[in-house]
Amino acid sequence: MQHLLATAVLLFASQLAFAQAPAAAPTANDCATRAVSKDGKPLAGAAKTAFMKKCAADAGKPAAASDCAAKAVSKDGKPLYGAAKAAFIKKCEG
């Protein structure tokens, strides 16, 4: 019984540590894997090229930049776009 309890505690602790691990920057292989449409179909042609270019550029950015981009939402909870997003990210990073 104690062995089962110890195993459960270790499993919970490992899941907690894994959940708090920082996200690594995407690699080229990760970008290729994530290059899918909203329908779940693989991207092709210009759409795939644009996605890969953006993904590679995001991989070169520091983690703080991606955190700021993720936080760029309006009071309604909708993502910011254009100048509003740029201003938010500039303020967040600076």
PDB file of N, CA and C in Angstrom:
ATOM      1  N   MET A   1       0.826  -1.196   0.000  1.00  0.00           N
ATOM      2  CA  MET A   1       0.000   0.000   0.000  1.00  0.00           C
ATOM      3  C   MET A   1       0.867   1.255   0.000  1.00  0.00           C
ATOM      4  N   GLN A   2       1.946   1.242   0.791  1.00  0.00           N
ATOM      5  CA  GLN A   2       2.824   2.409   0.854  1.00  0.00           C
ATOM      6  C   GLN A   2       3.524   2.619  -0.488  1.00  0.00           C
ATOM      7  N   HIS A   3       3.857   1.540  -1.161  1.00  0.00           N
ATOM      8  CA  HIS A   3       4.513   1.635  -2.461  1.00  0.00           C
ATOM      9  C   HIS A   3       3.580   2.307  -3.465  1.00  0.00           C
ATOM     10  N   LEU A   4       2.312   1.965  -3.419  1.00  0.00           N
ATOM     11  CA  LEU A   4       1.324   2.560  -4.315  1.00  0.00           C
ATOM     12  C   LEU A   4       1.162   4.046  -4.023  1.00  0.00           C
ATOM     13  N   LEU A   5       1.134   4.404  -2.769  1.00  0.00           N
ATOM     14  CA  LEU A   5       1.013   5.800  -2.376  1.00  0.00           C
ATOM     15  C   LEU A   5       2.246   6.593  -2.807  1.00  0.00           C
ATOM     16  N   ALA A   6       3.423   6.025  -2.618  1.00  0.00           N
ATOM     17  CA  ALA A   6       4.664   6.695  -3.025  1.00  0.00           C
ATOM     18  C   ALA A   6       4.698   6.886  -4.537  1.00  0.00           C
ATOM     19  N   THR A   7       4.246   5.902  -5.285  1.00  0.00           N
ATOM     20  CA  THR A   7       4.209   6.010  -6.740  1.00  0.00           C
ATOM     21  C   THR A   7       3.255   7.115  -7.171  1.00  0.00           C
ATOM     22  N   ALA A   8       2.105   7.197  -6.516  1.00  0.00           N
ATOM     23  CA  ALA A   8       1.127   8.234  -6.859  1.00  0.00           C
ATOM     24  C   ALA A   8       1.694   9.624  -6.565  1.00  0.00           C
ATOM     25  N   VAL A   9       2.392   9.785  -5.461  1.00  0.00           N
ATOM     26  CA  VAL A   9       2.986  11.073  -5.100  1.00  0.00           C
ATOM     27  C   VAL A   9       4.056  11.463  -6.107  1.00  0.00           C
ATOM     28  N   LEU A  10       4.907  10.513  -6.490  1.00  0.00           N
ATOM     29  CA  LEU A  10       5.947  10.796  -7.474  1.00  0.00           C
ATOM     30  C   LEU A  10       5.346  11.154  -8.830  1.00  0.00           C
ATOM     31  N   LEU A  11       4.296  10.473  -9.225  1.00  0.00           N
ATOM     32  CA  LEU A  11       3.641  10.758 -10.486  1.00  0.00           C
ATOM     33  C   LEU A  11       3.051  12.166 -10.475  1.00  0.00           C
ATOM     34  N   PHE A  12       2.390  12.524  -9.394  1.00  0.00           N
ATOM     35  CA  PHE A  12       1.814  13.867  -9.280  1.00  0.00           C
ATOM     36  C   PHE A  12       2.898  14.926  -9.302  1.00  0.00           C
ATOM     37  N   ALA A  13       3.992  14.714  -8.587  1.00  0.00           N
ATOM     38  CA  ALA A  13       5.086  15.681  -8.536  1.00  0.00           C
ATOM     39  C   ALA A  13       5.740  15.846  -9.907  1.00  0.00           C
ATOM     40  N   SER A  14       5.889  14.757 -10.637  1.00  0.00           N
ATOM     41  CA  SER A  14       6.505  14.858 -11.962  1.00  0.00           C
ATOM     42  C   SER A  14       5.591  15.598 -12.933  1.00  0.00           C
ATOM     43  N   GLN A  15       4.294  15.391 -12.838  1.00  0.00           N
ATOM     44  CA  GLN A  15       3.360  16.108 -13.699  1.00  0.00           C
ATOM     45  C   GLN A  15       3.346  17.591 -13.358  1.00  0.00           C
ATOM     46  N   LEU A  16       3.450  17.924 -12.103  1.00  0.00           N
ATOM     47  CA  LEU A  16       3.481  19.313 -11.677  1.00  0.00           C
ATOM     48  C   LEU A  16       4.742  19.995 -12.189  1.00  0.00           C
ATOM     49  N   ALA A  17       5.871  19.327 -12.105  1.00  0.00           N
ATOM     50  CA  ALA A  17       7.129  19.891 -12.592  1.00  0.00           C
ATOM     51  C   ALA A  17       7.089  20.043 -14.104  1.00  0.00           C
ATOM     52  N   PHE A  18       6.491  19.099 -14.798  1.00  0.00           N
ATOM     53  CA  PHE A  18       6.402  19.169 -16.254  1.00  0.00           C
ATOM     54  C   PHE A  18       5.501  20.323 -16.683  1.00  0.00           C
ATOM     55  N   ALA A  19       4.425  20.544 -15.962  1.00  0.00           N
ATOM     56  CA  ALA A  19       3.489  21.610 -16.317  1.00  0.00           C
ATOM     57  C   ALA A  19       4.120  22.983 -16.137  1.00  0.00           C
ATOM     58  N   GLN A  20       5.082  23.127 -15.238  1.00  0.00           N
ATOM     59  CA  GLN A  20       5.701  24.414 -14.977  1.00  0.00           C
ATOM     60  C   GLN A  20       6.960  24.642 -15.798  1.00  0.00           C
ATOM     61  N   ALA A  21       7.371  23.665 -16.579  1.00  0.00           N
ATOM     62  CA  ALA A  21       8.581  23.812 -17.387  1.00  0.00           C
ATOM     63  C   ALA A  21       8.349  24.865 -18.463  1.00  0.00           C
ATOM     64  N   PRO A  22       9.326  25.738 -18.722  1.00  0.00           N
ATOM     65  CA  PRO A  22       9.145  26.754 -19.748  1.00  0.00           C
ATOM     66  C   PRO A  22       9.085  26.135 -21.137  1.00  0.00           C
ATOM     67  N   ALA A  23       8.312  26.754 -21.997  1.00  0.00           N
ATOM     68  CA  ALA A  23       8.176  26.248 -23.356  1.00  0.00           C
ATOM     69  C   ALA A  23       9.436  26.548 -24.144  1.00  0.00           C
ATOM     70  N   ALA A  24       9.913  25.553 -24.849  1.00  0.00           N
ATOM     71  CA  ALA A  24      11.112  25.728 -25.661  1.00  0.00           C
ATOM     72  C   ALA A  24      10.733  26.396 -26.974  1.00  0.00           C
ATOM     73  N   ALA A  25      11.677  27.076 -27.557  1.00  0.00           N
ATOM     74  CA  ALA A  25      11.449  27.715 -28.851  1.00  0.00           C
ATOM     75  C   ALA A  25      11.234  26.633 -29.898  1.00  0.00           C
ATOM     76  N   PRO A  26      10.315  26.870 -30.833  1.00  0.00           N
ATOM     77  CA  PRO A  26      10.057  25.848 -31.848  1.00  0.00           C
ATOM     78  C   PRO A  26      11.254  25.653 -32.762  1.00  0.00           C
ATOM     79  N   THR A  27      11.492  24.411 -33.127  1.00  0.00           N
ATOM     80  CA  THR A  27      12.556  24.096 -34.073  1.00  0.00           C
ATOM     81  C   THR A  27      11.942  23.980 -35.458  1.00  0.00           C
ATOM     82  N   ALA A  28      12.777  23.817 -36.467  1.00  0.00           N
ATOM     83  CA  ALA A  28      12.271  23.683 -37.837  1.00  0.00           C
ATOM     84  C   ALA A  28      11.349  22.480 -37.953  1.00  0.00           C
ATOM     85  N   ASN A  29      11.687  21.397 -37.273  1.00  0.00           N
ATOM     86  CA  ASN A  29      10.854  20.200 -37.324  1.00  0.00           C
ATOM     87  C   ASN A  29       9.507  20.459 -36.649  1.00  0.00           C
ATOM     88  N   ASP A  30       9.522  21.205 -35.528  1.00  0.00           N
ATOM     89  CA  ASP A  30       8.269  21.548 -34.859  1.00  0.00           C
ATOM     90  C   ASP A  30       7.395  22.405 -35.773  1.00  0.00           C
ATOM     91  N   CYS A  31       8.033  23.345 -36.476  1.00  0.00           N
ATOM     92  CA  CYS A  31       7.293  24.208 -37.391  1.00  0.00           C
ATOM     93  C   CYS A  31       6.631  23.380 -38.493  1.00  0.00           C
ATOM     94  N   ALA A  32       7.358  22.437 -39.048  1.00  0.00           N
ATOM     95  CA  ALA A  32       6.807  21.601 -40.111  1.00  0.00           C
ATOM     96  C   ALA A  32       5.653  20.755 -39.589  1.00  0.00           C
ATOM     97  N   THR A  33       5.766  20.303 -38.372  1.00  0.00           N
ATOM     98  CA  THR A  33       4.715  19.486 -37.770  1.00  0.00           C
ATOM     99  C   THR A  33       3.459  20.315 -37.515  1.00  0.00           C
ATOM    100  N   ARG A  34       3.636  21.575 -37.132  1.00  0.00           N
ATOM    101  CA  ARG A  34       2.497  22.434 -36.812  1.00  0.00           C
ATOM    102  C   ARG A  34       1.910  23.127 -38.033  1.00  0.00           C
ATOM    103  N   ALA A  35       2.464  22.940 -39.208  1.00  0.00           N
ATOM    104  CA  ALA A  35       1.988  23.603 -40.428  1.00  0.00           C
ATOM    105  C   ALA A  35       0.737  22.917 -40.948  1.00  0.00           C
ATOM    106  N   VAL A  36      -0.367  23.118 -40.251  1.00  0.00           N
ATOM    107  CA  VAL A  36      -1.644  22.540 -40.653  1.00  0.00           C
ATOM    108  C   VAL A  36      -2.707  23.634 -40.644  1.00  0.00           C
ATOM    109  N   SER A  37      -3.728  23.466 -41.471  1.00  0.00           N
ATOM    110  CA  SER A  37      -4.813  24.433 -41.552  1.00  0.00           C
ATOM    111  C   SER A  37      -5.758  24.256 -40.367  1.00  0.00           C
ATOM    112  N   LYS A  38      -6.735  25.131 -40.280  1.00  0.00           N
ATOM    113  CA  LYS A  38      -7.733  25.027 -39.210  1.00  0.00           C
ATOM    114  C   LYS A  38      -8.542  23.747 -39.335  1.00  0.00           C
ATOM    115  N   ASP A  39      -8.591  23.216 -40.550  1.00  0.00           N
ATOM    116  CA  ASP A  39      -9.323  21.967 -40.788  1.00  0.00           C
ATOM    117  C   ASP A  39      -8.500  20.741 -40.414  1.00  0.00           C
ATOM    118  N   GLY A  40      -7.221  20.947 -40.102  1.00  0.00           N
ATOM    119  CA  GLY A  40      -6.350  19.840 -39.755  1.00  0.00           C
ATOM    120  C   GLY A  40      -5.602  19.261 -40.935  1.00  0.00           C
ATOM    121  N   LYS A  41      -5.736  19.889 -42.098  1.00  0.00           N
ATOM    122  CA  LYS A  41      -5.047  19.402 -43.296  1.00  0.00           C
ATOM    123  C   LYS A  41      -3.689  20.080 -43.394  1.00  0.00           C
ATOM    124  N   PRO A  42      -2.671  19.394 -43.902  1.00  0.00           N
ATOM    125  CA  PRO A  42      -1.340  20.000 -44.039  1.00  0.00           C
ATOM    126  C   PRO A  42      -1.367  21.192 -44.988  1.00  0.00           C
ATOM    127  N   LEU A  43      -0.637  22.248 -44.628  1.00  0.00           N
ATOM    128  CA  LEU A  43      -0.523  23.416 -45.494  1.00  0.00           C
ATOM    129  C   LEU A  43       0.369  23.088 -46.684  1.00  0.00           C
ATOM    130  N   ALA A  44       0.153  23.786 -47.787  1.00  0.00           N
ATOM    131  CA  ALA A  44       0.960  23.588 -48.985  1.00  0.00           C
ATOM    132  C   ALA A  44       1.163  24.930 -49.672  1.00  0.00           C
ATOM    133  N   GLY A  45       2.174  25.008 -50.498  1.00  0.00           N
ATOM    134  CA  GLY A  45       2.406  26.186 -51.316  1.00  0.00           C
ATOM    135  C   GLY A  45       2.749  27.432 -50.516  1.00  0.00           C
ATOM    136  N   ALA A  46       2.140  28.547 -50.918  1.00  0.00           N
ATOM    137  CA  ALA A  46       2.435  29.844 -50.303  1.00  0.00           C
ATOM    138  C   ALA A  46       2.029  29.887 -48.835  1.00  0.00           C
ATOM    139  N   ALA A  47       0.948  29.229 -48.490  1.00  0.00           N
ATOM    140  CA  ALA A  47       0.501  29.228 -47.095  1.00  0.00           C
ATOM    141  C   ALA A  47       1.530  28.548 -46.204  1.00  0.00           C
ATOM    142  N   LYS A  48       2.080  27.429 -46.666  1.00  0.00           N
ATOM    143  CA  LYS A  48       3.085  26.721 -45.885  1.00  0.00           C
ATOM    144  C   LYS A  48       4.369  27.544 -45.800  1.00  0.00           C
ATOM    145  N   THR A  49       4.751  28.172 -46.899  1.00  0.00           N
ATOM    146  CA  THR A  49       5.959  28.997 -46.910  1.00  0.00           C
ATOM    147  C   THR A  49       5.833  30.146 -45.918  1.00  0.00           C
ATOM    148  N   ALA A  50       4.688  30.814 -45.920  1.00  0.00           N
ATOM    149  CA  ALA A  50       4.462  31.932 -45.001  1.00  0.00           C
ATOM    150  C   ALA A  50       4.467  31.454 -43.553  1.00  0.00           C
ATOM    151  N   PHE A  51       3.826  30.315 -43.306  1.00  0.00           N
ATOM    152  CA  PHE A  51       3.794  29.781 -41.939  1.00  0.00           C
ATOM    153  C   PHE A  51       5.198  29.429 -41.456  1.00  0.00           C
ATOM    154  N   MET A  52       5.959  28.768 -42.310  1.00  0.00           N
ATOM    155  CA  MET A  52       7.316  28.348 -41.932  1.00  0.00           C
ATOM    156  C   MET A  52       8.200  29.569 -41.662  1.00  0.00           C
ATOM    157  N   LYS A  53       8.052  30.618 -42.481  1.00  0.00           N
ATOM    158  CA  LYS A  53       8.842  31.828 -42.304  1.00  0.00           C
ATOM    159  C   LYS A  53       8.512  32.490 -40.970  1.00  0.00           C
ATOM    160  N   LYS A  54       7.224  32.603 -40.646  1.00  0.00           N
ATOM    161  CA  LYS A  54       6.803  33.212 -39.383  1.00  0.00           C
ATOM    162  C   LYS A  54       7.241  32.355 -38.204  1.00  0.00           C
ATOM    163  N   CYS A  55       7.101  31.056 -38.334  1.00  0.00           N
ATOM    164  CA  CYS A  55       7.479  30.150 -37.254  1.00  0.00           C
ATOM    165  C   CYS A  55       8.978  30.230 -36.987  1.00  0.00           C
ATOM    166  N   ALA A  56       9.784  30.276 -38.035  1.00  0.00           N
ATOM    167  CA  ALA A  56      11.230  30.380 -37.876  1.00  0.00           C
ATOM    168  C   ALA A  56      11.608  31.710 -37.240  1.00  0.00           C
ATOM    169  N   ALA A  57      10.904  32.778 -37.607  1.00  0.00           N
ATOM    170  CA  ALA A  57      11.175  34.085 -37.016  1.00  0.00           C
ATOM    171  C   ALA A  57      10.808  34.081 -35.537  1.00  0.00           C
ATOM    172  N   ASP A  58       9.704  33.436 -35.202  1.00  0.00           N
ATOM    173  CA  ASP A  58       9.286  33.345 -33.801  1.00  0.00           C
ATOM    174  C   ASP A  58      10.276  32.528 -32.985  1.00  0.00           C
ATOM    175  N   ALA A  59      10.914  31.548 -33.610  1.00  0.00           N
ATOM    176  CA  ALA A  59      11.890  30.710 -32.912  1.00  0.00           C
ATOM    177  C   ALA A  59      13.105  31.533 -32.496  1.00  0.00           C
ATOM    178  N   GLY A  60      13.427  32.580 -33.253  1.00  0.00           N
ATOM    179  CA  GLY A  60      14.574  33.411 -32.948  1.00  0.00           C
ATOM    180  C   GLY A  60      14.294  34.473 -31.906  1.00  0.00           C
ATOM    181  N   LYS A  61      13.042  34.707 -31.577  1.00  0.00           N
ATOM    182  CA  LYS A  61      12.679  35.731 -30.603  1.00  0.00           C
ATOM    183  C   LYS A  61      12.890  35.202 -29.192  1.00  0.00           C
ATOM    184  N   PRO A  62      13.196  36.085 -28.256  1.00  0.00           N
ATOM    185  CA  PRO A  62      13.304  35.639 -26.861  1.00  0.00           C
ATOM    186  C   PRO A  62      11.935  35.220 -26.324  1.00  0.00           C
ATOM    187  N   ALA A  63      11.952  34.447 -25.273  1.00  0.00           N
ATOM    188  CA  ALA A  63      10.708  33.936 -24.693  1.00  0.00           C
ATOM    189  C   ALA A  63       9.798  35.070 -24.244  1.00  0.00           C
ATOM    190  N   ALA A  64      10.356  36.174 -23.772  1.00  0.00           N
ATOM    191  CA  ALA A  64       9.546  37.294 -23.301  1.00  0.00           C
ATOM    192  C   ALA A  64       8.686  37.852 -24.421  1.00  0.00           C
ATOM    193  N   ALA A  65       9.210  37.872 -25.646  1.00  0.00           N
ATOM    194  CA  ALA A  65       8.438  38.390 -26.771  1.00  0.00           C
ATOM    195  C   ALA A  65       7.211  37.536 -27.023  1.00  0.00           C
ATOM    196  N   SER A  66       7.362  36.233 -26.974  1.00  0.00           N
ATOM    197  CA  SER A  66       6.211  35.373 -27.208  1.00  0.00           C
ATOM    198  C   SER A  66       5.226  35.456 -26.049  1.00  0.00           C
ATOM    199  N   ASP A  67       5.722  35.679 -24.828  1.00  0.00           N
ATOM    200  CA  ASP A  67       4.832  35.852 -23.686  1.00  0.00           C
ATOM    201  C   ASP A  67       3.999  37.117 -23.859  1.00  0.00           C
ATOM    202  N   CYS A  68       4.647  38.190 -24.323  1.00  0.00           N
ATOM    203  CA  CYS A  68       3.932  39.444 -24.533  1.00  0.00           C
ATOM    204  C   CYS A  68       2.887  39.284 -25.633  1.00  0.00           C
ATOM    205  N   ALA A  69       3.229  38.574 -26.686  1.00  0.00           N
ATOM    206  CA  ALA A  69       2.277  38.359 -27.779  1.00  0.00           C
ATOM    207  C   ALA A  69       1.079  37.553 -27.289  1.00  0.00           C
ATOM    208  N   ALA A  70       1.316  36.613 -26.418  1.00  0.00           N
ATOM    209  CA  ALA A  70       0.221  35.802 -25.891  1.00  0.00           C
ATOM    210  C   ALA A  70      -0.686  36.619 -24.976  1.00  0.00           C
ATOM    211  N   LYS A  71      -0.128  37.615 -24.315  1.00  0.00           N
ATOM    212  CA  LYS A  71      -0.898  38.457 -23.400  1.00  0.00           C
ATOM    213  C   LYS A  71      -1.626  39.587 -24.112  1.00  0.00           C
ATOM    214  N   ALA A  72      -1.378  39.786 -25.401  1.00  0.00           N
ATOM    215  CA  ALA A  72      -1.955  40.901 -26.158  1.00  0.00           C
ATOM    216  C   ALA A  72      -3.414  40.631 -26.491  1.00  0.00           C
ATOM    217  N   VAL A  73      -4.272  40.818 -25.502  1.00  0.00           N
ATOM    218  CA  VAL A  73      -5.709  40.642 -25.692  1.00  0.00           C
ATOM    219  C   VAL A  73      -6.435  41.880 -25.190  1.00  0.00           C
ATOM    220  N   SER A  74      -7.599  42.138 -25.765  1.00  0.00           N
ATOM    221  CA  SER A  74      -8.392  43.292 -25.368  1.00  0.00           C
ATOM    222  C   SER A  74      -9.114  43.000 -24.059  1.00  0.00           C
ATOM    223  N   LYS A  75      -9.824  43.987 -23.564  1.00  0.00           N
ATOM    224  CA  LYS A  75     -10.599  43.809 -22.332  1.00  0.00           C
ATOM    225  C   LYS A  75     -11.701  42.778 -22.513  1.00  0.00           C
ATOM    226  N   ASP A  76     -12.118  42.596 -23.778  1.00  0.00           N
ATOM    227  CA  ASP A  76     -13.152  41.609 -24.075  1.00  0.00           C
ATOM    228  C   ASP A  76     -12.600  40.195 -24.142  1.00  0.00           C
ATOM    229  N   GLY A  77     -11.268  40.071 -24.128  1.00  0.00           N
ATOM    230  CA  GLY A  77     -10.638  38.768 -24.244  1.00  0.00           C
ATOM    231  C   GLY A  77     -10.315  38.387 -25.676  1.00  0.00           C
ATOM    232  N   LYS A  78     -10.508  39.316 -26.605  1.00  0.00           N
ATOM    233  CA  LYS A  78     -10.219  39.044 -28.013  1.00  0.00           C
ATOM    234  C   LYS A  78      -8.778  39.453 -28.318  1.00  0.00           C
ATOM    235  N   PRO A  79      -8.097  38.746 -29.212  1.00  0.00           N
ATOM    236  CA  PRO A  79      -6.706  39.093 -29.544  1.00  0.00           C
ATOM    237  C   PRO A  79      -6.606  40.474 -30.173  1.00  0.00           C
ATOM    238  N   LEU A  80      -5.532  41.193 -29.821  1.00  0.00           N
ATOM    239  CA  LEU A  80      -5.269  42.493 -30.432  1.00  0.00           C
ATOM    240  C   LEU A  80      -4.619  42.296 -31.787  1.00  0.00           C
ATOM    241  N   TYR A  81      -4.830  43.239 -32.698  1.00  0.00           N
ATOM    242  CA  TYR A  81      -4.246  43.191 -34.032  1.00  0.00           C
ATOM    243  C   TYR A  81      -3.673  44.555 -34.392  1.00  0.00           C
ATOM    244  N   GLY A  82      -2.787  44.559 -35.366  1.00  0.00           N
ATOM    245  CA  GLY A  82      -2.275  45.796 -35.951  1.00  0.00           C
ATOM    246  C   GLY A  82      -1.525  46.675 -34.976  1.00  0.00           C
ATOM    247  N   ALA A  83      -1.824  47.973 -35.029  1.00  0.00           N
ATOM    248  CA  ALA A  83      -1.118  48.964 -34.229  1.00  0.00           C
ATOM    249  C   ALA A  83      -1.342  48.753 -32.729  1.00  0.00           C
ATOM    250  N   ALA A  84      -2.528  48.340 -32.354  1.00  0.00           N
ATOM    251  CA  ALA A  84      -2.816  48.107 -30.935  1.00  0.00           C
ATOM    252  C   ALA A  84      -1.941  46.983 -30.387  1.00  0.00           C
ATOM    253  N   LYS A  85      -1.783  45.919 -31.166  1.00  0.00           N
ATOM    254  CA  LYS A  85      -0.940  44.799 -30.739  1.00  0.00           C
ATOM    255  C   LYS A  85       0.528  45.232 -30.668  1.00  0.00           C
ATOM    256  N   ALA A  86       0.977  45.968 -31.688  1.00  0.00           N
ATOM    257  CA  ALA A  86       2.359  46.431 -31.711  1.00  0.00           C
ATOM    258  C   ALA A  86       2.662  47.320 -30.511  1.00  0.00           C
ATOM    259  N   ALA A  87       1.741  48.222 -30.184  1.00  0.00           N
ATOM    260  CA  ALA A  87       1.936  49.113 -29.049  1.00  0.00           C
ATOM    261  C   ALA A  87       1.958  48.327 -27.741  1.00  0.00           C
ATOM    262  N   PHE A  88       1.089  47.346 -27.622  1.00  0.00           N
ATOM    263  CA  PHE A  88       1.059  46.524 -26.404  1.00  0.00           C
ATOM    264  C   PHE A  88       2.362  45.762 -26.220  1.00  0.00           C
ATOM    265  N   ILE A  89       2.837  45.138 -27.296  1.00  0.00           N
ATOM    266  CA  ILE A  89       4.060  44.346 -27.223  1.00  0.00           C
ATOM    267  C   ILE A  89       5.264  45.238 -26.906  1.00  0.00           C
ATOM    268  N   LYS A  90       5.320  46.413 -27.520  1.00  0.00           N
ATOM    269  CA  LYS A  90       6.414  47.346 -27.261  1.00  0.00           C
ATOM    270  C   LYS A  90       6.437  47.753 -25.794  1.00  0.00           C
ATOM    271  N   LYS A  91       5.274  48.036 -25.247  1.00  0.00           N
ATOM    272  CA  LYS A  91       5.168  48.427 -23.829  1.00  0.00           C
ATOM    273  C   LYS A  91       5.524  47.246 -22.930  1.00  0.00           C
ATOM    274  N   CYS A  92       5.059  46.058 -23.293  1.00  0.00           N
ATOM    275  CA  CYS A  92       5.304  44.851 -22.491  1.00  0.00           C
ATOM    276  C   CYS A  92       6.793  44.500 -22.442  1.00  0.00           C
ATOM    277  N   GLU A  93       7.466  44.579 -23.582  1.00  0.00           N
ATOM    278  CA  GLU A  93       8.884  44.218 -23.652  1.00  0.00           C
ATOM    279  C   GLU A  93       9.785  45.293 -23.060  1.00  0.00           C
ATOM    280  N   GLY A  94       9.336  46.516 -23.109  1.00  0.00           N
ATOM    281  CA  GLY A  94      10.179  47.639 -22.695  1.00  0.00           C
ATOM    282  C   GLY A  94      10.115  47.885 -21.260  1.00  0.00           C
TER     283      GLY A  94
END
